Amino acid sequence: MKPTLSKYAVTSVVIVLAVIASLAMYHRYVTRPWTRDAQIRANIIGIACRVAGPILQIPVKDNQQVKKGDLLFEIDPATYVAGVNTATARLQQTQAKAVQAKQELDRQTLLYQTKVIDIRDLQNAQDTYVAAQADVAAASAALDYAKLSLGYTKIFAPVDGYLTNVTTSPGEFVTGGQGILTLVDSSSFWVAAYFKETQLLHVAEGGPAKIRLMGHDSQPFDGVVESVAWGIFVPDGSTVQMLPNVSQTIDWVRLPNRFPVRVRVTGTPPVPLRIGQTASVSLSGN
C-alpha cells in the first residue's frame, strides 16, 4: 500500500505544481501583456504636384533616403515663367493708368476748387482713380499667384524619409493634385501591437515596452505605449468604415476582440525599420 500511496502523493504534488504554474503563467500573461501580433508602421506622405506640366527632371531613385528640402522632381517651368512675365507687364500697365488717374484727379480737384467745373466731374475723376487702384491691386495679386505657381514647379521633400514605389520618369505630363511619389517619414516609425480586450486593463499609456523584430528575438529594443484605440470596425454595420479592421483568427469560436495599441519606438532597433515588419511586444503592465 505504501508504494501506491507514494505514487498518489507524487502525482498529486505534480498536479498541484502544474496548477500553480498555470495560474502563475496566466497571471503573468494578463498583468504583463505580451503579443506577437504586431507590425511596424510609419506615416506615409503622398507627394503630389500643385501645377500641371511635363516633368523636367527626377533627381531621385526608388528606395532612396532623402533629407528635408531635397529636390524630388521639377516640372517644366517655361509656361509659368511666361505667366510671371505677363503678370508683371499687366501690373506695370495698371500702375501707369493709376498714375494718370491720380494726375487727372489732382487737376479736377484744382478746377473744382476754382469753380471751373461742377461736383459731378470731380466725382467721376475720383471714381476713375479708385477703379485704377483696384486694377493695380488685382494685377499685383495675379503676379503673386504667377510667382507662386512658378515656385510650385519644384517639389522638395517636406521631411526626412525614404522614397518608395518611384515609377515616374521625366517627360510624363502631370496634372495639379496628381500623386507622383511616396515618402516614408523616417522620424515617425511606431508599432501597432494588437492586444486582447481582456488585457487592456493592464495596458497603461506611458508604460514601457519591449519590442522584438522577427528574426532578431535576442535583440529587443525599447518603446513606450502612446495610446490605445477607442474602437475597431465591427462588420455588422454598426460602426464606420474608417475604424481599424481587426479580423478574428478563428471564426467558429467567440474570441476576445483585439485592439490596436500604438507603441512609440524609443530605443535603437537592430536593423532599419520598414513598414510591415513583424514584431512582438511585451509590456510591464500596471
Protein backbone atom coordinates (compact mmCIF):
# COMPACT_ATOMS: atom_id res chain seq x y z
CA MET A 1 0.00 0.00 0.00
CA LYS A 2 2.77 2.39 0.82
CA PRO A 3 4.24 2.42 -2.74
CA THR A 4 0.76 3.11 -4.09
CA LEU A 5 0.19 5.97 -1.66
CA SER A 6 3.60 7.31 -2.54
CA LYS A 7 2.70 7.30 -6.23
CA TYR A 8 -0.59 9.10 -5.47
CA ALA A 9 1.26 11.66 -3.40
CA VAL A 10 3.78 12.32 -6.14
CA THR A 11 1.03 12.61 -8.73
CA SER A 12 -0.93 14.99 -6.51
CA VAL A 13 2.14 17.15 -5.95
CA VAL A 14 2.81 17.25 -9.68
CA ILE A 15 -0.80 18.24 -10.40
CA VAL A 16 -0.74 20.93 -7.73
CA LEU A 17 2.53 22.30 -9.04
CA ALA A 18 1.17 22.27 -12.59
CA VAL A 19 -1.94 24.15 -11.48
CA ILE A 20 0.17 26.70 -9.58
CA ALA A 21 2.47 27.13 -12.56
CA SER A 22 -0.51 27.54 -14.89
CA LEU A 23 -2.09 30.14 -12.62
CA ALA A 24 1.20 31.96 -12.35
CA MET A 25 1.66 31.95 -16.11
CA TYR A 26 -1.92 33.12 -16.64
CA HIS A 27 -1.47 35.90 -14.08
CA ARG A 28 1.72 36.97 -15.79
CA TYR A 29 0.02 36.80 -19.21
CA VAL A 30 -2.83 39.02 -18.03
CA THR A 31 -0.94 41.50 -15.85
CA ARG A 32 2.17 41.69 -18.04
CA PRO A 33 0.60 41.68 -21.53
CA TRP A 34 2.51 40.24 -24.44
CA THR A 35 1.64 39.79 -28.07
CA ARG A 36 3.39 38.59 -31.16
CA ASP A 37 0.68 40.13 -33.34
CA ALA A 38 2.40 43.45 -34.03
CA GLN A 39 3.66 45.30 -37.08
CA ILE A 40 5.95 48.21 -37.78
CA ARG A 41 4.12 51.27 -39.10
CA ALA A 42 5.09 54.77 -40.15
CA ASN A 43 3.48 57.88 -41.54
CA ILE A 44 3.34 57.90 -45.33
CA ILE A 45 3.36 61.18 -47.23
CA GLY A 46 1.95 61.27 -50.73
CA ILE A 47 3.96 63.77 -52.77
CA ALA A 48 1.74 65.48 -55.34
CA CYS A 49 2.26 68.37 -57.73
CA ARG A 50 0.26 71.60 -57.41
CA VAL A 51 0.62 72.67 -61.02
CA ALA A 52 0.36 70.86 -64.34
CA GLY A 53 3.06 70.24 -66.92
CA PRO A 54 5.65 67.75 -68.15
CA ILE A 55 8.21 66.54 -65.62
CA LEU A 56 11.59 68.04 -66.41
CA GLN A 57 13.75 66.01 -64.05
CA ILE A 58 13.57 63.50 -61.19
CA PRO A 59 16.96 63.55 -59.45
CA VAL A 60 16.00 60.71 -57.09
CA LYS A 61 15.58 56.96 -57.40
CA ASP A 62 13.42 54.28 -55.87
CA ASN A 63 14.06 53.48 -52.18
CA GLN A 64 16.44 56.41 -51.82
CA GLN A 65 16.87 58.17 -48.49
CA VAL A 66 16.27 61.91 -48.72
CA LYS A 67 16.60 64.86 -46.38
CA LYS A 68 14.08 67.61 -45.77
CA GLY A 69 14.47 70.20 -48.53
CA ASP A 70 15.97 67.84 -51.13
CA LEU A 71 14.64 68.33 -54.67
CA LEU A 72 12.34 65.43 -55.58
CA PHE A 73 11.23 66.46 -59.06
CA GLU A 74 10.75 69.52 -61.23
CA ILE A 75 8.01 70.41 -63.68
CA ASP A 76 8.95 72.33 -66.85
CA PRO A 77 8.74 75.97 -65.69
CA ALA A 78 8.59 77.60 -69.16
CA THR A 79 4.83 78.18 -69.09
CA TYR A 80 4.96 79.61 -65.59
CA VAL A 81 7.91 81.88 -66.36
CA ALA A 82 5.85 83.30 -69.20
CA GLY A 83 2.95 83.71 -66.79
CA VAL A 84 5.13 85.74 -64.42
CA ASN A 85 6.33 87.95 -67.27
CA THR A 86 2.75 88.54 -68.45
CA ALA A 87 1.54 89.34 -64.95
CA THR A 88 4.48 91.73 -64.44
CA ALA A 89 3.63 93.62 -67.63
CA ARG A 90 -0.03 93.78 -66.63
CA LEU A 91 0.90 95.24 -63.26
CA GLN A 92 3.09 97.89 -64.88
CA GLN A 93 0.21 98.87 -67.19
CA THR A 94 -2.25 99.23 -64.34
CA GLN A 95 0.26 101.21 -62.30
CA ALA A 96 0.74 103.63 -65.21
CA LYS A 97 -3.02 104.06 -65.56
CA ALA A 98 -3.30 104.66 -61.83
CA VAL A 99 -0.68 107.43 -62.09
CA GLN A 100 -2.64 109.03 -64.91
CA ALA A 101 -5.88 108.75 -62.94
CA LYS A 102 -4.22 110.40 -59.93
CA GLN A 103 -2.93 113.25 -62.08
CA GLU A 104 -6.38 113.73 -63.59
CA LEU A 105 -7.93 113.73 -60.12
CA ASP A 106 -5.50 116.39 -58.96
CA ARG A 107 -6.39 118.57 -61.96
CA GLN A 108 -10.11 118.09 -61.46
CA THR A 109 -9.76 118.91 -57.77
CA LEU A 110 -7.98 122.17 -58.58
CA LEU A 111 -10.58 123.10 -61.19
CA TYR A 112 -13.41 122.35 -58.77
CA GLN A 113 -11.80 124.50 -56.11
CA THR A 114 -11.64 127.41 -58.59
CA LYS A 115 -15.29 126.87 -59.54
CA VAL A 116 -14.47 125.92 -63.14
CA ILE A 117 -16.18 122.51 -63.03
CA ASP A 118 -19.05 121.13 -61.02
CA ILE A 119 -19.03 118.33 -58.42
CA ARG A 120 -20.02 115.65 -60.99
CA ASP A 121 -16.73 115.99 -62.92
CA LEU A 122 -14.75 115.77 -59.68
CA GLN A 123 -16.64 112.65 -58.58
CA ASN A 124 -16.05 111.00 -61.96
CA ALA A 125 -12.32 111.61 -61.57
CA GLN A 126 -12.42 110.18 -58.07
CA ASP A 127 -14.24 107.06 -59.28
CA THR A 128 -11.73 106.57 -62.09
CA TYR A 129 -8.83 106.79 -59.65
CA VAL A 130 -10.42 104.29 -57.23
CA ALA A 131 -11.02 101.88 -60.11
CA ALA A 132 -7.41 102.27 -61.24
CA GLN A 133 -6.19 101.45 -57.73
CA ALA A 134 -8.38 98.33 -57.71
CA ASP A 135 -6.87 97.27 -61.05
CA VAL A 136 -3.40 97.67 -59.55
CA ALA A 137 -4.35 95.51 -56.57
CA ALA A 138 -5.80 92.81 -58.85
CA ALA A 139 -2.73 92.86 -61.10
CA SER A 140 -0.45 92.63 -58.06
CA ALA A 141 -2.39 89.62 -56.77
CA ALA A 142 -2.18 87.99 -60.21
CA LEU A 143 1.58 88.48 -60.19
CA ASP A 144 1.85 86.94 -56.72
CA TYR A 145 -0.17 83.94 -57.94
CA ALA A 146 2.01 83.57 -61.03
CA LYS A 147 5.16 83.63 -58.89
CA LEU A 148 3.60 81.10 -56.52
CA SER A 149 2.75 78.80 -59.43
CA LEU A 150 6.30 79.10 -60.73
CA GLY A 151 7.61 78.14 -57.29
CA TYR A 152 5.41 75.06 -57.30
CA THR A 153 7.26 73.66 -60.33
CA LYS A 154 9.96 72.46 -57.94
CA ILE A 155 8.83 69.94 -55.33
CA PHE A 156 11.03 69.38 -52.28
CA ALA A 157 10.97 66.74 -49.55
CA PRO A 158 8.86 68.03 -46.63
CA VAL A 159 10.56 65.72 -44.09
CA ASP A 160 13.48 63.31 -43.80
CA GLY A 161 12.47 59.93 -45.12
CA TYR A 162 12.67 57.15 -47.66
CA LEU A 163 11.20 57.23 -51.15
CA THR A 164 9.34 54.13 -52.20
CA ASN A 165 7.49 52.93 -55.30
CA VAL A 166 9.06 55.51 -57.62
CA THR A 167 7.56 54.68 -61.03
CA THR A 168 7.65 58.08 -62.77
CA SER A 169 10.11 59.24 -65.44
CA PRO A 170 11.00 62.66 -66.91
CA GLY A 171 8.67 63.68 -69.72
CA GLU A 172 5.48 62.41 -68.12
CA PHE A 173 2.74 65.05 -68.10
CA VAL A 174 1.19 65.52 -64.68
CA THR A 175 -1.82 67.49 -63.51
CA GLY A 176 -2.38 69.52 -60.38
CA GLY A 177 -3.11 67.32 -57.37
CA GLN A 178 -1.78 64.16 -59.02
CA GLY A 179 0.24 61.94 -56.69
CA ILE A 180 3.76 61.34 -58.02
CA LEU A 181 5.92 59.91 -55.22
CA THR A 182 5.51 58.21 -51.85
CA LEU A 183 7.70 59.26 -48.92
CA VAL A 184 8.01 57.31 -45.66
CA ASP A 185 8.64 59.70 -42.76
CA SER A 186 11.76 58.27 -41.10
CA SER A 187 11.00 60.02 -37.80
CA SER A 188 7.52 58.54 -37.44
CA PHE A 189 8.11 54.80 -37.07
CA TRP A 190 5.88 53.16 -34.47
CA VAL A 191 4.49 49.74 -33.66
CA ALA A 192 0.86 48.68 -33.97
CA ALA A 193 0.52 45.95 -31.34
CA TYR A 194 -2.81 44.11 -31.10
CA PHE A 195 -3.83 43.13 -27.57
CA LYS A 196 -6.92 41.23 -26.46
CA GLU A 197 -9.62 43.24 -24.74
CA THR A 198 -9.06 41.12 -21.61
CA GLN A 199 -5.54 42.55 -21.40
CA LEU A 200 -6.33 46.22 -21.92
CA LEU A 201 -6.82 46.85 -18.19
CA HIS A 202 -3.09 46.33 -17.78
CA VAL A 203 -2.04 48.42 -20.80
CA ALA A 204 -1.03 51.81 -19.42
CA GLU A 205 -0.34 54.83 -21.58
CA GLY A 206 3.24 55.94 -21.00
CA GLY A 207 4.23 52.48 -19.84
CA PRO A 208 7.48 50.84 -21.01
CA ALA A 209 7.51 48.23 -23.72
CA LYS A 210 9.99 45.80 -25.18
CA ILE A 211 9.92 45.27 -28.92
CA ARG A 212 11.41 42.33 -30.78
CA LEU A 213 11.53 42.02 -34.56
CA MET A 214 11.03 38.69 -36.26
CA GLY A 215 14.43 37.13 -36.81
CA HIS A 216 16.01 39.32 -34.11
CA ASP A 217 14.38 37.92 -30.97
CA SER A 218 17.60 38.20 -28.99
CA GLN A 219 17.93 41.92 -29.73
CA PRO A 220 15.00 43.70 -28.06
CA PHE A 221 14.71 47.48 -28.05
CA ASP A 222 12.66 49.90 -26.01
CA GLY A 223 9.34 51.52 -26.71
CA VAL A 224 6.65 53.50 -24.89
CA VAL A 225 2.89 52.94 -25.04
CA GLU A 226 1.38 56.05 -26.61
CA SER A 227 -2.30 55.19 -26.84
CA VAL A 228 -4.97 52.52 -27.15
CA ALA A 229 -7.52 52.62 -29.96
CA TRP A 230 -11.01 53.67 -28.88
CA GLY A 231 -12.74 51.44 -31.36
CA ILE A 232 -12.43 48.82 -34.06
CA PHE A 233 -14.58 48.10 -37.09
CA VAL A 234 -17.49 45.77 -36.41
CA PRO A 235 -18.73 44.06 -39.61
CA ASP A 236 -22.40 44.12 -38.55
CA GLY A 237 -22.65 47.68 -39.85
CA SER A 238 -22.84 49.43 -36.51
CA THR A 239 -19.54 51.24 -36.90
CA VAL A 240 -17.98 53.40 -39.56
CA GLN A 241 -15.60 52.00 -42.14
CA MET A 242 -12.68 54.24 -41.10
CA LEU A 243 -12.15 52.39 -37.81
CA PRO A 244 -9.35 49.77 -37.70
CA ASN A 245 -10.47 46.45 -39.16
CA VAL A 246 -9.07 43.71 -36.91
CA SER A 247 -10.12 40.24 -38.07
CA GLN A 248 -10.66 37.31 -35.75
CA THR A 249 -8.35 34.34 -36.10
CA ILE A 250 -10.95 31.59 -35.50
CA ASP A 251 -14.44 32.16 -36.88
CA TRP A 252 -16.33 29.41 -35.06
CA VAL A 253 -15.11 30.32 -31.55
CA ARG A 254 -16.14 33.51 -29.77
CA LEU A 255 -12.77 35.13 -29.10
CA PRO A 256 -12.00 38.39 -27.30
CA ASN A 257 -11.54 41.24 -29.72
CA ARG A 258 -8.09 42.68 -30.26
CA PHE A 259 -7.45 46.43 -30.10
CA PRO A 260 -4.51 48.28 -31.66
CA VAL A 261 -2.06 49.70 -29.15
CA ARG A 262 0.27 52.36 -30.52
CA VAL A 263 3.84 51.94 -29.27
CA ARG A 264 6.41 54.65 -29.95
CA VAL A 265 9.94 53.45 -30.65
CA THR A 266 12.45 54.97 -28.23
CA GLY A 267 15.35 52.52 -28.44
CA THR A 268 17.70 51.63 -31.26
CA PRO A 269 16.43 48.77 -33.45
CA PRO A 270 18.93 46.08 -34.51
CA VAL A 271 18.09 46.74 -38.18
CA PRO A 272 16.50 49.63 -40.05
CA LEU A 273 12.75 49.67 -39.55
CA ARG A 274 10.47 49.05 -42.52
CA ILE A 275 6.70 49.29 -42.73
CA GLY A 276 5.11 45.87 -42.36
CA GLN A 277 7.88 44.17 -40.37
CA THR A 278 6.53 41.60 -37.95
CA ALA A 279 7.25 42.20 -34.28
CA SER A 280 6.32 41.05 -30.80
CA VAL A 281 5.66 43.45 -27.93
CA SER A 282 5.76 42.84 -24.18
CA LEU A 283 4.55 45.34 -21.59
CA SER A 284 5.30 45.70 -17.91
CA GLY A 285 1.66 46.26 -17.02
CA ASN A 286 0.23 48.39 -14.20
